[in-house]
Amino acid sequence: MEYHESICGWEKCAEIHKLLQSYGYILTKCHGQCIYHLPGLEQELQSLGRLQINYDWHE
């Protein structure tokens, strides 16, 4: 899934982020890309590079 505030607006992005969090997903950023995943799967992402785990989507 791809979303960006220039496409759907800041409010919709915030709504999507909160919805994904409510389902138990956390946001990890890697090379500027957002990856939502279930807690505990960070180890599976380590091969992608430097991870910023539990990151806020708009930072």
C-alpha atoms as a PDB file:
ATOM      1  CA  MET A   1       0.000   0.000   0.000  1.00  0.00           C
ATOM      2  CA  GLU A   2       1.304   3.409  -0.802  1.00  0.00           C
ATOM      3  CA  TYR A   3      -0.024   6.675   0.500  1.00  0.00           C
ATOM      4  CA  HIS A   4       1.376  10.156   0.679  1.00  0.00           C
ATOM      5  CA  GLU A   5      -0.004  13.389   2.007  1.00  0.00           C
ATOM      6  CA  SER A   6       0.320  15.030  -1.407  1.00  0.00           C
ATOM      7  CA  ILE A   7      -2.005  12.316  -2.759  1.00  0.00           C
ATOM      8  CA  CYS A   8      -4.656  11.959  -0.047  1.00  0.00           C
ATOM      9  CA  GLY A   9      -3.875  14.766   2.406  1.00  0.00           C
ATOM     10  CA  TRP A  10      -2.318  14.918   5.857  1.00  0.00           C
ATOM     11  CA  GLU A  11      -5.538  14.023   7.698  1.00  0.00           C
ATOM     12  CA  LYS A  12      -6.128  10.852   5.658  1.00  0.00           C
ATOM     13  CA  CYS A  13      -2.512   9.760   6.172  1.00  0.00           C
ATOM     14  CA  ALA A  14      -2.896  10.234   9.928  1.00  0.00           C
ATOM     15  CA  GLU A  15      -6.156   8.267   9.842  1.00  0.00           C
ATOM     16  CA  ILE A  16      -4.535   5.376   7.930  1.00  0.00           C
ATOM     17  CA  HIS A  17      -1.575   5.328  10.333  1.00  0.00           C
ATOM     18  CA  LYS A  18      -3.866   5.200  13.384  1.00  0.00           C
ATOM     19  CA  LEU A  19      -5.941   2.446  11.794  1.00  0.00           C
ATOM     20  CA  LEU A  20      -2.871   0.309  11.104  1.00  0.00           C
ATOM     21  CA  GLN A  21      -1.665   0.896  14.668  1.00  0.00           C
ATOM     22  CA  SER A  22      -5.074  -0.161  16.006  1.00  0.00           C
ATOM     23  CA  TYR A  23      -4.608  -3.486  14.201  1.00  0.00           C
ATOM     24  CA  GLY A  24      -1.293  -3.971  16.020  1.00  0.00           C
ATOM     25  CA  TYR A  25       1.121  -2.907  13.298  1.00  0.00           C
ATOM     26  CA  ILE A  26       4.160  -0.757  13.987  1.00  0.00           C
ATOM     27  CA  LEU A  27       5.939   1.474  11.517  1.00  0.00           C
ATOM     28  CA  THR A  28       9.572   1.001  10.654  1.00  0.00           C
ATOM     29  CA  LYS A  29      11.397   3.271   8.242  1.00  0.00           C
ATOM     30  CA  CYS A  30      14.249   2.051   6.096  1.00  0.00           C
ATOM     31  CA  HIS A  31      15.935   4.246   3.472  1.00  0.00           C
ATOM     32  CA  GLY A  32      13.003   6.661   3.680  1.00  0.00           C
ATOM     33  CA  GLN A  33      10.418   3.958   3.019  1.00  0.00           C
ATOM     34  CA  CYS A  34       7.655   3.091   5.494  1.00  0.00           C
ATOM     35  CA  ILE A  35       7.139  -0.574   6.351  1.00  0.00           C
ATOM     36  CA  TYR A  36       4.231  -1.572   8.576  1.00  0.00           C
ATOM     37  CA  HIS A  37       4.694  -4.919  10.294  1.00  0.00           C
ATOM     38  CA  LEU A  38       3.693  -6.843  13.366  1.00  0.00           C
ATOM     39  CA  PRO A  39       5.829  -6.399  16.495  1.00  0.00           C
ATOM     40  CA  GLY A  40       8.653  -8.885  16.745  1.00  0.00           C
ATOM     41  CA  LEU A  41       9.346  -9.086  13.017  1.00  0.00           C
ATOM     42  CA  GLU A  42      12.060  -6.433  13.075  1.00  0.00           C
ATOM     43  CA  GLN A  43      14.712  -9.148  12.818  1.00  0.00           C
ATOM     44  CA  GLU A  44      13.290 -10.172   9.449  1.00  0.00           C
ATOM     45  CA  LEU A  45      13.877  -6.631   8.150  1.00  0.00           C
ATOM     46  CA  GLN A  46      17.493  -6.275   9.333  1.00  0.00           C
ATOM     47  CA  SER A  47      18.910  -7.325   5.958  1.00  0.00           C
ATOM     48  CA  LEU A  48      17.307  -4.257   4.340  1.00  0.00           C
ATOM     49  CA  GLY A  49      19.655  -1.860   6.129  1.00  0.00           C
ATOM     50  CA  ARG A  50      19.434   0.678   8.958  1.00  0.00           C
ATOM     51  CA  LEU A  51      15.987   0.508  10.532  1.00  0.00           C
ATOM     52  CA  GLN A  52      14.142   3.207  12.447  1.00  0.00           C
ATOM     53  CA  ILE A  53      11.704   1.083  14.445  1.00  0.00           C
ATOM     54  CA  ASN A  54       8.380   2.368  15.826  1.00  0.00           C
ATOM     55  CA  TYR A  55       8.762   5.576  13.842  1.00  0.00           C
ATOM     56  CA  ASP A  56       6.172   8.316  13.464  1.00  0.00           C
ATOM     57  CA  TRP A  57       4.912   8.425   9.876  1.00  0.00           C
ATOM     58  CA  HIS A  58       5.161  12.189   9.394  1.00  0.00           C
ATOM     59  CA  GLU A  59       8.712  12.717  10.642  1.00  0.00           C
END
